[in-house]
Amino acid sequence: MKISVLTPDRTIFTGNVSKVALPGTDGSFQILDNHAPLVSSLSTGRVTLVTAAGEYRYYDEDASGMKKDATSNRSLSFSIDRGFVEVLNNEVNLLVQGARNLH
């Protein structure tokens, strides 16, 4: 599935993932390929993405810019303060505040 992770001032991640774990306001949950349509609020916590085949781009705080990679099955995590997620037609849009420490 394709995902875009955005903050008000930058893109954090864009590309294909096989799953994403999120801190929902009513508890943690995962999104996998072909997930049913969903809109949910997110609370403070950790977001974890597992990359799928294909190129993806992510924000590197150390370099203060975007980097490209194509490593499959790589786990990337970061912290958020809050946000929202929308899932529709195997596309995930994650809009977050306070994303930190992508690694």
PDB file of N, CA and C in Angstrom:
ATOM      1  N   MET A   1       0.842  -1.176   0.000  1.00  0.00           N
ATOM      2  CA  MET A   1       0.000   0.000   0.000  1.00  0.00           C
ATOM      3  C   MET A   1       0.885   1.236   0.000  1.00  0.00           C
ATOM      4  N   LYS A   2       0.356   2.313  -0.502  1.00  0.00           N
ATOM      5  CA  LYS A   2       1.108   3.559  -0.599  1.00  0.00           C
ATOM      6  C   LYS A   2       0.760   4.434   0.597  1.00  0.00           C
ATOM      7  N   ILE A   3       1.782   5.089   1.169  1.00  0.00           N
ATOM      8  CA  ILE A   3       1.556   5.954   2.319  1.00  0.00           C
ATOM      9  C   ILE A   3       2.287   7.276   2.144  1.00  0.00           C
ATOM     10  N   SER A   4       1.654   8.323   2.647  1.00  0.00           N
ATOM     11  CA  SER A   4       2.280   9.647   2.756  1.00  0.00           C
ATOM     12  C   SER A   4       2.139  10.085   4.201  1.00  0.00           C
ATOM     13  N   VAL A   5       3.257  10.478   4.801  1.00  0.00           N
ATOM     14  CA  VAL A   5       3.258  10.981   6.176  1.00  0.00           C
ATOM     15  C   VAL A   5       3.668  12.446   6.100  1.00  0.00           C
ATOM     16  N   LEU A   6       2.756  13.319   6.526  1.00  0.00           N
ATOM     17  CA  LEU A   6       2.974  14.754   6.387  1.00  0.00           C
ATOM     18  C   LEU A   6       2.810  15.472   7.714  1.00  0.00           C
ATOM     19  N   THR A   7       3.632  16.509   7.917  1.00  0.00           N
ATOM     20  CA  THR A   7       3.464  17.445   9.022  1.00  0.00           C
ATOM     21  C   THR A   7       3.114  18.785   8.376  1.00  0.00           C
ATOM     22  N   PRO A   8       2.757  19.801   9.157  1.00  0.00           N
ATOM     23  CA  PRO A   8       2.459  21.096   8.550  1.00  0.00           C
ATOM     24  C   PRO A   8       3.627  21.704   7.768  1.00  0.00           C
ATOM     25  N   ASP A   9       4.861  21.331   8.085  1.00  0.00           N
ATOM     26  CA  ASP A   9       5.996  21.964   7.417  1.00  0.00           C
ATOM     27  C   ASP A   9       6.856  21.059   6.545  1.00  0.00           C
ATOM     28  N   ARG A  10       6.591  19.744   6.508  1.00  0.00           N
ATOM     29  CA  ARG A  10       7.416  18.881   5.647  1.00  0.00           C
ATOM     30  C   ARG A  10       6.802  17.493   5.463  1.00  0.00           C
ATOM     31  N   THR A  11       7.323  16.792   4.468  1.00  0.00           N
ATOM     32  CA  THR A  11       6.985  15.386   4.246  1.00  0.00           C
ATOM     33  C   THR A  11       7.953  14.555   5.072  1.00  0.00           C
ATOM     34  N   ILE A  12       7.433  13.595   5.829  1.00  0.00           N
ATOM     35  CA  ILE A  12       8.259  12.718   6.656  1.00  0.00           C
ATOM     36  C   ILE A  12       8.582  11.420   5.922  1.00  0.00           C
ATOM     37  N   PHE A  13       7.596  10.871   5.177  1.00  0.00           N
ATOM     38  CA  PHE A  13       7.798   9.619   4.465  1.00  0.00           C
ATOM     39  C   PHE A  13       6.792   9.548   3.325  1.00  0.00           C
ATOM     40  N   THR A  14       7.227   9.000   2.197  1.00  0.00           N
ATOM     41  CA  THR A  14       6.321   8.695   1.098  1.00  0.00           C
ATOM     42  C   THR A  14       6.853   7.462   0.368  1.00  0.00           C
ATOM     43  N   GLY A  15       5.968   6.514   0.090  1.00  0.00           N
ATOM     44  CA  GLY A  15       6.364   5.288  -0.592  1.00  0.00           C
ATOM     45  C   GLY A  15       5.458   4.137  -0.230  1.00  0.00           C
ATOM     46  N   ASN A  16       5.902   2.925  -0.568  1.00  0.00           N
ATOM     47  CA  ASN A  16       5.116   1.726  -0.306  1.00  0.00           C
ATOM     48  C   ASN A  16       5.529   1.071   1.002  1.00  0.00           C
ATOM     49  N   VAL A  17       4.537   0.625   1.756  1.00  0.00           N
ATOM     50  CA  VAL A  17       4.772  -0.089   3.007  1.00  0.00           C
ATOM     51  C   VAL A  17       3.892  -1.330   3.034  1.00  0.00           C
ATOM     52  N   SER A  18       4.309  -2.324   3.826  1.00  0.00           N
ATOM     53  CA  SER A  18       3.495  -3.529   3.984  1.00  0.00           C
ATOM     54  C   SER A  18       2.598  -3.434   5.205  1.00  0.00           C
ATOM     55  N   LYS A  19       3.013  -2.613   6.197  1.00  0.00           N
ATOM     56  CA  LYS A  19       2.153  -2.377   7.354  1.00  0.00           C
ATOM     57  C   LYS A  19       2.600  -1.120   8.068  1.00  0.00           C
ATOM     58  N   VAL A  20       1.667  -0.589   8.864  1.00  0.00           N
ATOM     59  CA  VAL A  20       1.947   0.584   9.680  1.00  0.00           C
ATOM     60  C   VAL A  20       1.220   0.408  11.007  1.00  0.00           C
ATOM     61  N   ALA A  21       1.931   0.635  12.100  1.00  0.00           N
ATOM     62  CA  ALA A  21       1.357   0.572  13.454  1.00  0.00           C
ATOM     63  C   ALA A  21       1.192   1.999  13.952  1.00  0.00           C
ATOM     64  N   LEU A  22       0.008   2.283  14.520  1.00  0.00           N
ATOM     65  CA  LEU A  22      -0.348   3.651  14.895  1.00  0.00           C
ATOM     66  C   LEU A  22      -0.885   3.734  16.317  1.00  0.00           C
ATOM     67  N   PRO A  23      -0.663   4.887  16.988  1.00  0.00           N
ATOM     68  CA  PRO A  23      -1.212   5.103  18.331  1.00  0.00           C
ATOM     69  C   PRO A  23      -2.584   5.777  18.259  1.00  0.00           C
ATOM     70  N   GLY A  24      -3.644   5.010  18.094  1.00  0.00           N
ATOM     71  CA  GLY A  24      -4.989   5.567  18.012  1.00  0.00           C
ATOM     72  C   GLY A  24      -5.431   6.143  19.353  1.00  0.00           C
ATOM     73  N   THR A  25      -6.382   7.056  19.318  1.00  0.00           N
ATOM     74  CA  THR A  25      -6.864   7.662  20.559  1.00  0.00           C
ATOM     75  C   THR A  25      -7.587   6.642  21.439  1.00  0.00           C
ATOM     76  N   ASP A  26      -8.110   5.572  20.846  1.00  0.00           N
ATOM     77  CA  ASP A  26      -8.761   4.507  21.614  1.00  0.00           C
ATOM     78  C   ASP A  26      -7.881   3.272  21.753  1.00  0.00           C
ATOM     79  N   GLY A  27      -6.601   3.389  21.431  1.00  0.00           N
ATOM     80  CA  GLY A  27      -5.667   2.266  21.525  1.00  0.00           C
ATOM     81  C   GLY A  27      -4.902   2.084  20.231  1.00  0.00           C
ATOM     82  N   SER A  28      -3.794   1.372  20.315  1.00  0.00           N
ATOM     83  CA  SER A  28      -2.931   1.138  19.152  1.00  0.00           C
ATOM     84  C   SER A  28      -3.610   0.200  18.159  1.00  0.00           C
ATOM     85  N   PHE A  29      -3.291   0.380  16.870  1.00  0.00           N
ATOM     86  CA  PHE A  29      -3.812  -0.508  15.835  1.00  0.00           C
ATOM     87  C   PHE A  29      -2.852  -0.533  14.657  1.00  0.00           C
ATOM     88  N   GLN A  30      -3.043  -1.543  13.770  1.00  0.00           N
ATOM     89  CA  GLN A  30      -2.209  -1.697  12.580  1.00  0.00           C
ATOM     90  C   GLN A  30      -3.056  -1.578  11.337  1.00  0.00           C
ATOM     91  N   ILE A  31      -2.420  -1.137  10.272  1.00  0.00           N
ATOM     92  CA  ILE A  31      -3.042  -1.103   8.956  1.00  0.00           C
ATOM     93  C   ILE A  31      -2.193  -1.981   8.048  1.00  0.00           C
ATOM     94  N   LEU A  32      -2.856  -2.907   7.359  1.00  0.00           N
ATOM     95  CA  LEU A  32      -2.188  -3.808   6.422  1.00  0.00           C
ATOM     96  C   LEU A  32      -2.737  -3.577   5.025  1.00  0.00           C
ATOM     97  N   ASP A  33      -2.137  -4.224   4.008  1.00  0.00           N
ATOM     98  CA  ASP A  33      -2.625  -4.125   2.635  1.00  0.00           C
ATOM     99  C   ASP A  33      -4.117  -4.425   2.578  1.00  0.00           C
ATOM    100  N   ASN A  34      -4.807  -3.707   1.700  1.00  0.00           N
ATOM    101  CA  ASN A  34      -6.239  -3.886   1.443  1.00  0.00           C
ATOM    102  C   ASN A  34      -7.109  -3.671   2.672  1.00  0.00           C
ATOM    103  N   HIS A  35      -6.695  -2.767   3.554  1.00  0.00           N
ATOM    104  CA  HIS A  35      -7.479  -2.431   4.744  1.00  0.00           C
ATOM    105  C   HIS A  35      -8.776  -1.744   4.327  1.00  0.00           C
ATOM    106  N   ALA A  36      -9.814  -1.942   5.092  1.00  0.00           N
ATOM    107  CA  ALA A  36     -11.090  -1.272   4.852  1.00  0.00           C
ATOM    108  C   ALA A  36     -10.908   0.238   4.998  1.00  0.00           C
ATOM    109  N   PRO A  37     -11.758   1.026   4.329  1.00  0.00           N
ATOM    110  CA  PRO A  37     -11.683   2.486   4.481  1.00  0.00           C
ATOM    111  C   PRO A  37     -11.792   2.884   5.956  1.00  0.00           C
ATOM    112  N   LEU A  38     -11.017   3.908   6.329  1.00  0.00           N
ATOM    113  CA  LEU A  38     -10.928   4.292   7.733  1.00  0.00           C
ATOM    114  C   LEU A  38     -10.490   5.742   7.851  1.00  0.00           C
ATOM    115  N   VAL A  39     -11.059   6.445   8.828  1.00  0.00           N
ATOM    116  CA  VAL A  39     -10.550   7.742   9.260  1.00  0.00           C
ATOM    117  C   VAL A  39     -10.484   7.669  10.770  1.00  0.00           C
ATOM    118  N   SER A  40      -9.326   8.013  11.358  1.00  0.00           N
ATOM    119  CA  SER A  40      -9.165   7.900  12.803  1.00  0.00           C
ATOM    120  C   SER A  40      -8.242   8.993  13.318  1.00  0.00           C
ATOM    121  N   SER A  41      -8.495   9.415  14.549  1.00  0.00           N
ATOM    122  CA  SER A  41      -7.585  10.353  15.208  1.00  0.00           C
ATOM    123  C   SER A  41      -6.469   9.565  15.886  1.00  0.00           C
ATOM    124  N   LEU A  42      -5.332  10.220  16.045  1.00  0.00           N
ATOM    125  CA  LEU A  42      -4.152   9.593  16.646  1.00  0.00           C
ATOM    126  C   LEU A  42      -3.726  10.390  17.871  1.00  0.00           C
ATOM    127  N   SER A  43      -3.204   9.692  18.857  1.00  0.00           N
ATOM    128  CA  SER A  43      -2.707  10.347  20.062  1.00  0.00           C
ATOM    129  C   SER A  43      -1.185  10.324  20.080  1.00  0.00           C
ATOM    130  N   THR A  44      -0.609  10.876  21.122  1.00  0.00           N
ATOM    131  CA  THR A  44       0.839  10.870  21.289  1.00  0.00           C
ATOM    132  C   THR A  44       1.328   9.426  21.338  1.00  0.00           C
ATOM    133  N   GLY A  45       2.407   9.133  20.610  1.00  0.00           N
ATOM    134  CA  GLY A  45       2.955   7.785  20.612  1.00  0.00           C
ATOM    135  C   GLY A  45       3.888   7.541  19.453  1.00  0.00           C
ATOM    136  N   ARG A  46       4.164   6.252  19.221  1.00  0.00           N
ATOM    137  CA  ARG A  46       5.119   5.829  18.205  1.00  0.00           C
ATOM    138  C   ARG A  46       4.388   5.282  16.985  1.00  0.00           C
ATOM    139  N   VAL A  47       4.841   5.728  15.808  1.00  0.00           N
ATOM    140  CA  VAL A  47       4.375   5.203  14.528  1.00  0.00           C
ATOM    141  C   VAL A  47       5.503   4.347  13.972  1.00  0.00           C
ATOM    142  N   THR A  48       5.174   3.133  13.520  1.00  0.00           N
ATOM    143  CA  THR A  48       6.179   2.251  12.928  1.00  0.00           C
ATOM    144  C   THR A  48       5.702   1.815  11.550  1.00  0.00           C
ATOM    145  N   LEU A  49       6.561   2.022  10.539  1.00  0.00           N
ATOM    146  CA  LEU A  49       6.294   1.619   9.161  1.00  0.00           C
ATOM    147  C   LEU A  49       7.214   0.467   8.798  1.00  0.00           C
ATOM    148  N   VAL A  50       6.723  -0.485   8.013  1.00  0.00           N
ATOM    149  CA  VAL A  50       7.574  -1.541   7.452  1.00  0.00           C
ATOM    150  C   VAL A  50       7.513  -1.386   5.944  1.00  0.00           C
ATOM    151  N   THR A  51       8.668  -1.096   5.326  1.00  0.00           N
ATOM    152  CA  THR A  51       8.713  -0.802   3.902  1.00  0.00           C
ATOM    153  C   THR A  51       8.430  -2.041   3.067  1.00  0.00           C
ATOM    154  N   ALA A  52       7.871  -1.798   1.879  1.00  0.00           N
ATOM    155  CA  ALA A  52       7.592  -2.852   0.907  1.00  0.00           C
ATOM    156  C   ALA A  52       8.525  -2.641  -0.292  1.00  0.00           C
ATOM    157  N   ALA A  53       8.372  -3.465  -1.310  1.00  0.00           N
ATOM    158  CA  ALA A  53       9.204  -3.359  -2.508  1.00  0.00           C
ATOM    159  C   ALA A  53       9.002  -2.002  -3.179  1.00  0.00           C
ATOM    160  N   GLY A  54      10.079  -1.467  -3.718  1.00  0.00           N
ATOM    161  CA  GLY A  54      10.021  -0.190  -4.424  1.00  0.00           C
ATOM    162  C   GLY A  54      10.747   0.910  -3.682  1.00  0.00           C
ATOM    163  N   GLU A  55      10.957   2.001  -4.382  1.00  0.00           N
ATOM    164  CA  GLU A  55      11.669   3.134  -3.801  1.00  0.00           C
ATOM    165  C   GLU A  55      10.751   3.926  -2.870  1.00  0.00           C
ATOM    166  N   TYR A  56      11.341   4.459  -1.812  1.00  0.00           N
ATOM    167  CA  TYR A  56      10.619   5.338  -0.910  1.00  0.00           C
ATOM    168  C   TYR A  56      11.528   6.490  -0.520  1.00  0.00           C
ATOM    169  N   ARG A  57      10.910   7.549  -0.019  1.00  0.00           N
ATOM    170  CA  ARG A  57      11.653   8.736   0.424  1.00  0.00           C
ATOM    171  C   ARG A  57      11.279   9.013   1.863  1.00  0.00           C
ATOM    172  N   TYR A  58      12.277   9.437   2.645  1.00  0.00           N
ATOM    173  CA  TYR A  58      12.029   9.742   4.050  1.00  0.00           C
ATOM    174  C   TYR A  58      12.874  10.933   4.478  1.00  0.00           C
ATOM    175  N   TYR A  59      12.391  11.642   5.502  1.00  0.00           N
ATOM    176  CA  TYR A  59      13.092  12.803   6.017  1.00  0.00           C
ATOM    177  C   TYR A  59      14.159  12.349   7.003  1.00  0.00           C
ATOM    178  N   ASP A  60      15.387  12.776   6.783  1.00  0.00           N
ATOM    179  CA  ASP A  60      16.514  12.454   7.656  1.00  0.00           C
ATOM    180  C   ASP A  60      16.838  13.691   8.491  1.00  0.00           C
ATOM    181  N   GLU A  61      16.561  13.617   9.806  1.00  0.00           N
ATOM    182  CA  GLU A  61      16.798  14.776  10.681  1.00  0.00           C
ATOM    183  C   GLU A  61      18.274  15.163  10.728  1.00  0.00           C
ATOM    184  N   ASP A  62      19.177  14.184  10.705  1.00  0.00           N
ATOM    185  CA  ASP A  62      20.609  14.487  10.765  1.00  0.00           C
ATOM    186  C   ASP A  62      21.062  15.297   9.550  1.00  0.00           C
ATOM    187  N   ALA A  63      20.521  14.952   8.388  1.00  0.00           N
ATOM    188  CA  ALA A  63      20.878  15.663   7.155  1.00  0.00           C
ATOM    189  C   ALA A  63      19.942  16.835   6.876  1.00  0.00           C
ATOM    190  N   SER A  64      18.885  16.972   7.649  1.00  0.00           N
ATOM    191  CA  SER A  64      17.864  18.018   7.462  1.00  0.00           C
ATOM    192  C   SER A  64      17.321  18.028   6.036  1.00  0.00           C
ATOM    193  N   GLY A  65      17.040  16.833   5.510  1.00  0.00           N
ATOM    194  CA  GLY A  65      16.499  16.733   4.156  1.00  0.00           C
ATOM    195  C   GLY A  65      16.003  15.344   3.842  1.00  0.00           C
ATOM    196  N   MET A  66      15.455  15.208   2.644  1.00  0.00           N
ATOM    197  CA  MET A  66      14.895  13.939   2.203  1.00  0.00           C
ATOM    198  C   MET A  66      15.997  13.019   1.673  1.00  0.00           C
ATOM    199  N   LYS A  67      15.825  11.721   1.927  1.00  0.00           N
ATOM    200  CA  LYS A  67      16.719  10.693   1.390  1.00  0.00           C
ATOM    201  C   LYS A  67      15.868   9.652   0.674  1.00  0.00           C
ATOM    202  N   LYS A  68      16.489   8.974  -0.289  1.00  0.00           N
ATOM    203  CA  LYS A  68      15.827   7.902  -1.025  1.00  0.00           C
ATOM    204  C   LYS A  68      16.439   6.568  -0.625  1.00  0.00           C
ATOM    205  N   ASP A  69      15.614   5.527  -0.653  1.00  0.00           N
ATOM    206  CA  ASP A  69      16.090   4.171  -0.372  1.00  0.00           C
ATOM    207  C   ASP A  69      15.130   3.208  -1.054  1.00  0.00           C
ATOM    208  N   ALA A  70      15.511   1.948  -1.167  1.00  0.00           N
ATOM    209  CA  ALA A  70      14.648   0.932  -1.758  1.00  0.00           C
ATOM    210  C   ALA A  70      14.753  -0.384  -0.995  1.00  0.00           C
ATOM    211  N   THR A  71      15.221  -0.346   0.241  1.00  0.00           N
ATOM    212  CA  THR A  71      15.365  -1.542   1.051  1.00  0.00           C
ATOM    213  C   THR A  71      13.994  -2.043   1.507  1.00  0.00           C
ATOM    214  N   SER A  72      13.633  -3.258   1.118  1.00  0.00           N
ATOM    215  CA  SER A  72      12.352  -3.841   1.535  1.00  0.00           C
ATOM    216  C   SER A  72      12.442  -4.354   2.956  1.00  0.00           C
ATOM    217  N   ASN A  73      11.308  -4.414   3.617  1.00  0.00           N
ATOM    218  CA  ASN A  73      11.171  -4.980   4.966  1.00  0.00           C
ATOM    219  C   ASN A  73      11.991  -4.218   6.012  1.00  0.00           C
ATOM    220  N   ARG A  74      12.215  -2.942   5.776  1.00  0.00           N
ATOM    221  CA  ARG A  74      12.923  -2.086   6.731  1.00  0.00           C
ATOM    222  C   ARG A  74      11.894  -1.456   7.668  1.00  0.00           C
ATOM    223  N   SER A  75      12.177  -1.465   8.939  1.00  0.00           N
ATOM    224  CA  SER A  75      11.281  -0.882   9.933  1.00  0.00           C
ATOM    225  C   SER A  75      11.760   0.529  10.274  1.00  0.00           C
ATOM    226  N   LEU A  76      10.873   1.512  10.123  1.00  0.00           N
ATOM    227  CA  LEU A  76      11.170   2.903  10.433  1.00  0.00           C
ATOM    228  C   LEU A  76      10.174   3.373  11.490  1.00  0.00           C
ATOM    229  N   SER A  77      10.659   4.034  12.535  1.00  0.00           N
ATOM    230  CA  SER A  77       9.792   4.501  13.616  1.00  0.00           C
ATOM    231  C   SER A  77      10.024   5.968  13.903  1.00  0.00           C
ATOM    232  N   PHE A  78       8.989   6.622  14.379  1.00  0.00           N
ATOM    233  CA  PHE A  78       9.085   8.007  14.817  1.00  0.00           C
ATOM    234  C   PHE A  78       7.972   8.297  15.809  1.00  0.00           C
ATOM    235  N   SER A  79       8.144   9.349  16.584  1.00  0.00           N
ATOM    236  CA  SER A  79       7.170   9.754  17.593  1.00  0.00           C
ATOM    237  C   SER A  79       6.309  10.877  17.041  1.00  0.00           C
ATOM    238  N   ILE A  80       5.031  10.875  17.450  1.00  0.00           N
ATOM    239  CA  ILE A  80       4.141  11.979  17.087  1.00  0.00           C
ATOM    240  C   ILE A  80       3.465  12.510  18.350  1.00  0.00           C
ATOM    241  N   ASP A  81       3.002  13.744  18.270  1.00  0.00           N
ATOM    242  CA  ASP A  81       2.229  14.311  19.370  1.00  0.00           C
ATOM    243  C   ASP A  81       0.749  14.001  19.204  1.00  0.00           C
ATOM    244  N   ARG A  82       0.267  14.068  17.967  1.00  0.00           N
ATOM    245  CA  ARG A  82      -1.125  13.739  17.646  1.00  0.00           C
ATOM    246  C   ARG A  82      -1.265  13.794  16.128  1.00  0.00           C
ATOM    247  N   GLY A  83      -2.453  13.415  15.633  1.00  0.00           N
ATOM    248  CA  GLY A  83      -2.683  13.488  14.199  1.00  0.00           C
ATOM    249  C   GLY A  83      -3.932  12.764  13.770  1.00  0.00           C
ATOM    250  N   PHE A  84      -4.015  12.521  12.456  1.00  0.00           N
ATOM    251  CA  PHE A  84      -5.138  11.818  11.855  1.00  0.00           C
ATOM    252  C   PHE A  84      -4.610  10.878  10.785  1.00  0.00           C
ATOM    253  N   VAL A  85      -5.355   9.789  10.551  1.00  0.00           N
ATOM    254  CA  VAL A  85      -5.021   8.873   9.473  1.00  0.00           C
ATOM    255  C   VAL A  85      -6.284   8.635   8.642  1.00  0.00           C
ATOM    256  N   GLU A  86      -6.073   8.552   7.315  1.00  0.00           N
ATOM    257  CA  GLU A  86      -7.151   8.224   6.389  1.00  0.00           C
ATOM    258  C   GLU A  86      -6.663   7.065   5.532  1.00  0.00           C
ATOM    259  N   VAL A  87      -7.500   6.037   5.389  1.00  0.00           N
ATOM    260  CA  VAL A  87      -7.183   4.887   4.541  1.00  0.00           C
ATOM    261  C   VAL A  87      -8.292   4.758   3.511  1.00  0.00           C
ATOM    262  N   LEU A  88      -7.934   4.697   2.226  1.00  0.00           N
ATOM    263  CA  LEU A  88      -8.913   4.552   1.158  1.00  0.00           C
ATOM    264  C   LEU A  88      -8.225   3.977  -0.070  1.00  0.00           C
ATOM    265  N   ASN A  89      -8.760   2.890  -0.599  1.00  0.00           N
ATOM    266  CA  ASN A  89      -8.240   2.265  -1.823  1.00  0.00           C
ATOM    267  C   ASN A  89      -6.747   1.955  -1.748  1.00  0.00           C
ATOM    268  N   ASN A  90      -6.316   1.381  -0.634  1.00  0.00           N
ATOM    269  CA  ASN A  90      -4.924   0.983  -0.426  1.00  0.00           C
ATOM    270  C   ASN A  90      -3.949   2.159  -0.417  1.00  0.00           C
ATOM    271  N   GLU A  91      -4.467   3.351  -0.126  1.00  0.00           N
ATOM    272  CA  GLU A  91      -3.636   4.535   0.064  1.00  0.00           C
ATOM    273  C   GLU A  91      -3.877   5.057   1.470  1.00  0.00           C
ATOM    274  N   VAL A  92      -2.778   5.373   2.164  1.00  0.00           N
ATOM    275  CA  VAL A  92      -2.839   5.850   3.538  1.00  0.00           C
ATOM    276  C   VAL A  92      -2.272   7.261   3.583  1.00  0.00           C
ATOM    277  N   ASN A  93      -3.024   8.171   4.169  1.00  0.00           N
ATOM    278  CA  ASN A  93      -2.556   9.539   4.390  1.00  0.00           C
ATOM    279  C   ASN A  93      -2.493   9.758   5.886  1.00  0.00           C
ATOM    280  N   LEU A  94      -1.308  10.067   6.355  1.00  0.00           N
ATOM    281  CA  LEU A  94      -1.065  10.262   7.779  1.00  0.00           C
ATOM    282  C   LEU A  94      -0.659  11.720   7.976  1.00  0.00           C
ATOM    283  N   LEU A  95      -1.500  12.486   8.676  1.00  0.00           N
ATOM    284  CA  LEU A  95      -1.254  13.901   8.938  1.00  0.00           C
ATOM    285  C   LEU A  95      -0.956  14.035  10.417  1.00  0.00           C
ATOM    286  N   VAL A  96       0.261  14.457  10.758  1.00  0.00           N
ATOM    287  CA  VAL A  96       0.695  14.430  12.157  1.00  0.00           C
ATOM    288  C   VAL A  96       1.321  15.749  12.595  1.00  0.00           C
ATOM    289  N   GLN A  97       1.328  15.953  13.900  1.00  0.00           N
ATOM    290  CA  GLN A  97       2.006  17.075  14.541  1.00  0.00           C
ATOM    291  C   GLN A  97       3.209  16.519  15.295  1.00  0.00           C
ATOM    292  N   GLY A  98       4.290  17.243  15.315  1.00  0.00           N
ATOM    293  CA  GLY A  98       5.425  16.903  16.147  1.00  0.00           C
ATOM    294  C   GLY A  98       6.142  15.610  15.828  1.00  0.00           C
ATOM    295  N   ALA A  99       6.326  15.266  14.564  1.00  0.00           N
ATOM    296  CA  ALA A  99       7.054  14.051  14.200  1.00  0.00           C
ATOM    297  C   ALA A  99       8.541  14.230  14.498  1.00  0.00           C
ATOM    298  N   ARG A 100       9.129  13.243  15.207  1.00  0.00           N
ATOM    299  CA  ARG A 100      10.545  13.316  15.606  1.00  0.00           C
ATOM    300  C   ARG A 100      11.222  11.966  15.478  1.00  0.00           C
ATOM    301  N   ASN A 101      12.528  12.025  15.215  1.00  0.00           N
ATOM    302  CA  ASN A 101      13.419  10.866  15.322  1.00  0.00           C
ATOM    303  C   ASN A 101      13.041   9.695  14.402  1.00  0.00           C
ATOM    304  N   LEU A 102      12.960   9.931  13.113  1.00  0.00           N
ATOM    305  CA  LEU A 102      12.730   8.857  12.172  1.00  0.00           C
ATOM    306  C   LEU A 102      13.991   8.008  12.081  1.00  0.00           C
ATOM    307  N   HIS A 103      13.873   6.719  12.387  1.00  0.00           N
ATOM    308  CA  HIS A 103      15.012   5.794  12.279  1.00  0.00           C
ATOM    309  C   HIS A 103      14.518   4.366  12.196  1.00  0.00           C
TER     310      HIS A 103
END
